Amino acid sequence: MVIRWMIPLFLVLALLGGMIVGYVVIGKQSLSEVFEWKTWQHVIDLVFAP
């Protein structure tokens, strides 16, 4: 029973950790920008641009 909620929790924590490491440590940007929608909208626009 405990494993059923631990696996999704670990997946969400890994996602957040990867976003923070990739954007703050590698990208050298501020931590506050990680959780702004406009940041990720820009990334999505870059990835799916024609």
PDB file of N, CA and C in Angstrom:
ATOM      1  N   MET A   1       0.827  -1.198   0.000  1.00  0.00           N
ATOM      2  CA  MET A   1       0.000   0.000   0.000  1.00  0.00           C
ATOM      3  C   MET A   1       0.873   1.265   0.000  1.00  0.00           C
ATOM      4  N   VAL A   2       1.936   1.236   0.766  1.00  0.00           N
ATOM      5  CA  VAL A   2       2.820   2.405   0.851  1.00  0.00           C
ATOM      6  C   VAL A   2       3.525   2.637  -0.475  1.00  0.00           C
ATOM      7  N   ILE A   3       3.887   1.564  -1.157  1.00  0.00           N
ATOM      8  CA  ILE A   3       4.601   1.682  -2.427  1.00  0.00           C
ATOM      9  C   ILE A   3       3.721   2.347  -3.488  1.00  0.00           C
ATOM     10  N   ARG A   4       2.423   2.153  -3.418  1.00  0.00           N
ATOM     11  CA  ARG A   4       1.526   2.738  -4.425  1.00  0.00           C
ATOM     12  C   ARG A   4       1.546   4.258  -4.423  1.00  0.00           C
ATOM     13  N   TRP A   5       1.784   4.883  -3.302  1.00  0.00           N
ATOM     14  CA  TRP A   5       1.859   6.349  -3.297  1.00  0.00           C
ATOM     15  C   TRP A   5       3.290   6.845  -3.290  1.00  0.00           C
ATOM     16  N   MET A   6       4.259   5.977  -2.961  1.00  0.00           N
ATOM     17  CA  MET A   6       5.662   6.405  -2.966  1.00  0.00           C
ATOM     18  C   MET A   6       6.215   6.534  -4.380  1.00  0.00           C
ATOM     19  N   ILE A   7       5.834   5.648  -5.277  1.00  0.00           N
ATOM     20  CA  ILE A   7       6.358   5.696  -6.643  1.00  0.00           C
ATOM     21  C   ILE A   7       5.944   6.982  -7.355  1.00  0.00           C
ATOM     22  N   PRO A   8       4.659   7.368  -7.374  1.00  0.00           N
ATOM     23  CA  PRO A   8       4.317   8.660  -8.001  1.00  0.00           C
ATOM     24  C   PRO A   8       4.980   9.848  -7.307  1.00  0.00           C
ATOM     25  N   LEU A   9       5.121   9.774  -5.986  1.00  0.00           N
ATOM     26  CA  LEU A   9       5.789  10.850  -5.255  1.00  0.00           C
ATOM     27  C   LEU A   9       7.240  10.983  -5.692  1.00  0.00           C
ATOM     28  N   PHE A  10       7.942   9.870  -5.816  1.00  0.00           N
ATOM     29  CA  PHE A  10       9.329   9.909  -6.271  1.00  0.00           C
ATOM     30  C   PHE A  10       9.441  10.401  -7.712  1.00  0.00           C
ATOM     31  N   LEU A  11       8.481  10.051  -8.548  1.00  0.00           N
ATOM     32  CA  LEU A  11       8.500  10.525  -9.926  1.00  0.00           C
ATOM     33  C   LEU A  11       8.316  12.044 -10.000  1.00  0.00           C
ATOM     34  N   VAL A  12       7.417  12.574  -9.186  1.00  0.00           N
ATOM     35  CA  VAL A  12       7.208  14.026  -9.148  1.00  0.00           C
ATOM     36  C   VAL A  12       8.436  14.729  -8.590  1.00  0.00           C
ATOM     37  N   LEU A  13       9.038  14.166  -7.550  1.00  0.00           N
ATOM     38  CA  LEU A  13      10.251  14.760  -6.988  1.00  0.00           C
ATOM     39  C   LEU A  13      11.401  14.723  -7.991  1.00  0.00           C
ATOM     40  N   ALA A  14      11.520  13.650  -8.760  1.00  0.00           N
ATOM     41  CA  ALA A  14      12.559  13.563  -9.786  1.00  0.00           C
ATOM     42  C   ALA A  14      12.329  14.594 -10.883  1.00  0.00           C
ATOM     43  N   LEU A  15      11.072  14.795 -11.267  1.00  0.00           N
ATOM     44  CA  LEU A  15      10.748  15.808 -12.269  1.00  0.00           C
ATOM     45  C   LEU A  15      11.123  17.200 -11.775  1.00  0.00           C
ATOM     46  N   LEU A  16      10.729  17.533 -10.560  1.00  0.00           N
ATOM     47  CA  LEU A  16      11.061  18.848  -9.998  1.00  0.00           C
ATOM     48  C   LEU A  16      12.564  19.024  -9.847  1.00  0.00           C
ATOM     49  N   GLY A  17      13.239  17.993  -9.378  1.00  0.00           N
ATOM     50  CA  GLY A  17      14.696  18.061  -9.224  1.00  0.00           C
ATOM     51  C   GLY A  17      15.395  18.249 -10.559  1.00  0.00           C
ATOM     52  N   GLY A  18      14.925  17.550 -11.579  1.00  0.00           N
ATOM     53  CA  GLY A  18      15.516  17.703 -12.905  1.00  0.00           C
ATOM     54  C   GLY A  18      15.282  19.078 -13.490  1.00  0.00           C
ATOM     55  N   MET A  19      14.090  19.623 -13.259  1.00  0.00           N
ATOM     56  CA  MET A  19      13.804  20.976 -13.740  1.00  0.00           C
ATOM     57  C   MET A  19      14.720  21.985 -13.064  1.00  0.00           C
ATOM     58  N   ILE A  20      14.886  21.841 -11.770  1.00  0.00           N
ATOM     59  CA  ILE A  20      15.717  22.788 -11.019  1.00  0.00           C
ATOM     60  C   ILE A  20      17.180  22.666 -11.413  1.00  0.00           C
ATOM     61  N   VAL A  21      17.684  21.449 -11.487  1.00  0.00           N
ATOM     62  CA  VAL A  21      19.093  21.261 -11.852  1.00  0.00           C
ATOM     63  C   VAL A  21      19.342  21.741 -13.276  1.00  0.00           C
ATOM     64  N   GLY A  22      18.474  21.391 -14.183  1.00  0.00           N
ATOM     65  CA  GLY A  22      18.673  21.784 -15.572  1.00  0.00           C
ATOM     66  C   GLY A  22      18.574  23.276 -15.798  1.00  0.00           C
ATOM     67  N   TYR A  23      17.666  23.924 -15.115  1.00  0.00           N
ATOM     68  CA  TYR A  23      17.438  25.354 -15.359  1.00  0.00           C
ATOM     69  C   TYR A  23      18.361  26.232 -14.527  1.00  0.00           C
ATOM     70  N   VAL A  24      18.590  25.857 -13.269  1.00  0.00           N
ATOM     71  CA  VAL A  24      19.380  26.710 -12.378  1.00  0.00           C
ATOM     72  C   VAL A  24      20.869  26.400 -12.470  1.00  0.00           C
ATOM     73  N   VAL A  25      21.229  25.131 -12.368  1.00  0.00           N
ATOM     74  CA  VAL A  25      22.651  24.767 -12.341  1.00  0.00           C
ATOM     75  C   VAL A  25      23.254  24.817 -13.742  1.00  0.00           C
ATOM     76  N   ILE A  26      22.634  24.139 -14.693  1.00  0.00           N
ATOM     77  CA  ILE A  26      23.185  24.087 -16.042  1.00  0.00           C
ATOM     78  C   ILE A  26      22.889  25.371 -16.809  1.00  0.00           C
ATOM     79  N   GLY A  27      21.658  25.868 -16.698  1.00  0.00           N
ATOM     80  CA  GLY A  27      21.257  27.057 -17.445  1.00  0.00           C
ATOM     81  C   GLY A  27      21.649  28.369 -16.808  1.00  0.00           C
ATOM     82  N   LYS A  28      22.075  28.320 -15.561  1.00  0.00           N
ATOM     83  CA  LYS A  28      22.517  29.518 -14.826  1.00  0.00           C
ATOM     84  C   LYS A  28      21.442  30.605 -14.783  1.00  0.00           C
ATOM     85  N   GLN A  29      20.193  30.204 -14.531  1.00  0.00           N
ATOM     86  CA  GLN A  29      19.079  31.140 -14.398  1.00  0.00           C
ATOM     87  C   GLN A  29      18.619  31.153 -12.939  1.00  0.00           C
ATOM     88  N   SER A  30      17.702  32.037 -12.613  1.00  0.00           N
ATOM     89  CA  SER A  30      17.248  32.145 -11.227  1.00  0.00           C
ATOM     90  C   SER A  30      16.223  31.061 -10.898  1.00  0.00           C
ATOM     91  N   LEU A  31      16.192  30.687  -9.646  1.00  0.00           N
ATOM     92  CA  LEU A  31      15.298  29.624  -9.183  1.00  0.00           C
ATOM     93  C   LEU A  31      13.839  30.029  -9.297  1.00  0.00           C
ATOM     94  N   SER A  32      13.540  31.299  -9.121  1.00  0.00           N
ATOM     95  CA  SER A  32      12.145  31.739  -9.176  1.00  0.00           C
ATOM     96  C   SER A  32      11.533  31.570 -10.564  1.00  0.00           C
ATOM     97  N   GLU A  33      12.359  31.586 -11.605  1.00  0.00           N
ATOM     98  CA  GLU A  33      11.851  31.451 -12.967  1.00  0.00           C
ATOM     99  C   GLU A  33      11.482  30.015 -13.318  1.00  0.00           C
ATOM    100  N   VAL A  34      11.945  29.058 -12.527  1.00  0.00           N
ATOM    101  CA  VAL A  34      11.678  27.654 -12.830  1.00  0.00           C
ATOM    102  C   VAL A  34      10.189  27.361 -12.804  1.00  0.00           C
ATOM    103  N   PHE A  35       9.461  27.972 -11.903  1.00  0.00           N
ATOM    104  CA  PHE A  35       8.061  27.642 -11.711  1.00  0.00           C
ATOM    105  C   PHE A  35       7.103  28.625 -12.384  1.00  0.00           C
ATOM    106  N   GLU A  36       7.624  29.479 -13.254  1.00  0.00           N
ATOM    107  CA  GLU A  36       6.764  30.404 -13.994  1.00  0.00           C
ATOM    108  C   GLU A  36       6.303  29.744 -15.285  1.00  0.00           C
ATOM    109  N   TRP A  37       5.022  29.902 -15.623  1.00  0.00           N
ATOM    110  CA  TRP A  37       4.471  29.275 -16.818  1.00  0.00           C
ATOM    111  C   TRP A  37       5.113  29.816 -18.086  1.00  0.00           C
ATOM    112  N   LYS A  38       5.435  31.113 -18.117  1.00  0.00           N
ATOM    113  CA  LYS A  38       5.985  31.705 -19.342  1.00  0.00           C
ATOM    114  C   LYS A  38       7.331  31.087 -19.713  1.00  0.00           C
ATOM    115  N   THR A  39       8.079  30.644 -18.736  1.00  0.00           N
ATOM    116  CA  THR A  39       9.359  29.981 -19.006  1.00  0.00           C
ATOM    117  C   THR A  39       9.137  28.700 -19.779  1.00  0.00           C
ATOM    118  N   TRP A  40       8.221  27.872 -19.321  1.00  0.00           N
ATOM    119  CA  TRP A  40       7.984  26.567 -19.949  1.00  0.00           C
ATOM    120  C   TRP A  40       7.193  26.714 -21.235  1.00  0.00           C
ATOM    121  N   GLN A  41       6.393  27.753 -21.360  1.00  0.00           N
ATOM    122  CA  GLN A  41       5.722  28.020 -22.627  1.00  0.00           C
ATOM    123  C   GLN A  41       6.749  28.359 -23.695  1.00  0.00           C
ATOM    124  N   HIS A  42       7.778  29.115 -23.313  1.00  0.00           N
ATOM    125  CA  HIS A  42       8.852  29.455 -24.245  1.00  0.00           C
ATOM    126  C   HIS A  42       9.610  28.194 -24.665  1.00  0.00           C
ATOM    127  N   VAL A  43       9.883  27.304 -23.729  1.00  0.00           N
ATOM    128  CA  VAL A  43      10.573  26.049 -24.043  1.00  0.00           C
ATOM    129  C   VAL A  43       9.723  25.206 -24.999  1.00  0.00           C
ATOM    130  N   ILE A  44       8.433  25.117 -24.734  1.00  0.00           N
ATOM    131  CA  ILE A  44       7.537  24.351 -25.596  1.00  0.00           C
ATOM    132  C   ILE A  44       7.507  24.963 -26.995  1.00  0.00           C
ATOM    133  N   ASP A  45       7.458  26.282 -27.073  1.00  0.00           N
ATOM    134  CA  ASP A  45       7.463  26.957 -28.368  1.00  0.00           C
ATOM    135  C   ASP A  45       8.756  26.678 -29.141  1.00  0.00           C
ATOM    136  N   LEU A  46       9.889  26.630 -28.431  1.00  0.00           N
ATOM    137  CA  LEU A  46      11.156  26.329 -29.092  1.00  0.00           C
ATOM    138  C   LEU A  46      11.211  24.890 -29.595  1.00  0.00           C
ATOM    139  N   VAL A  47      10.706  23.980 -28.814  1.00  0.00           N
ATOM    140  CA  VAL A  47      10.785  22.562 -29.188  1.00  0.00           C
ATOM    141  C   VAL A  47       9.858  22.248 -30.366  1.00  0.00           C
ATOM    142  N   PHE A  48       8.653  22.807 -30.354  1.00  0.00           N
ATOM    143  CA  PHE A  48       7.670  22.469 -31.375  1.00  0.00           C
ATOM    144  C   PHE A  48       7.536  23.520 -32.467  1.00  0.00           C
ATOM    145  N   ALA A  49       8.523  24.387 -32.606  1.00  0.00           N
ATOM    146  CA  ALA A  49       8.479  25.422 -33.643  1.00  0.00           C
ATOM    147  C   ALA A  49       8.642  24.771 -35.024  1.00  0.00           C
ATOM    148  N   PRO A  50       7.917  25.240 -36.004  1.00  0.00           N
ATOM    149  CA  PRO A  50       8.052  24.653 -37.357  1.00  0.00           C
ATOM    150  C   PRO A  50       9.339  25.088 -38.032  1.00  0.00           C
TER     151      PRO A  50
END
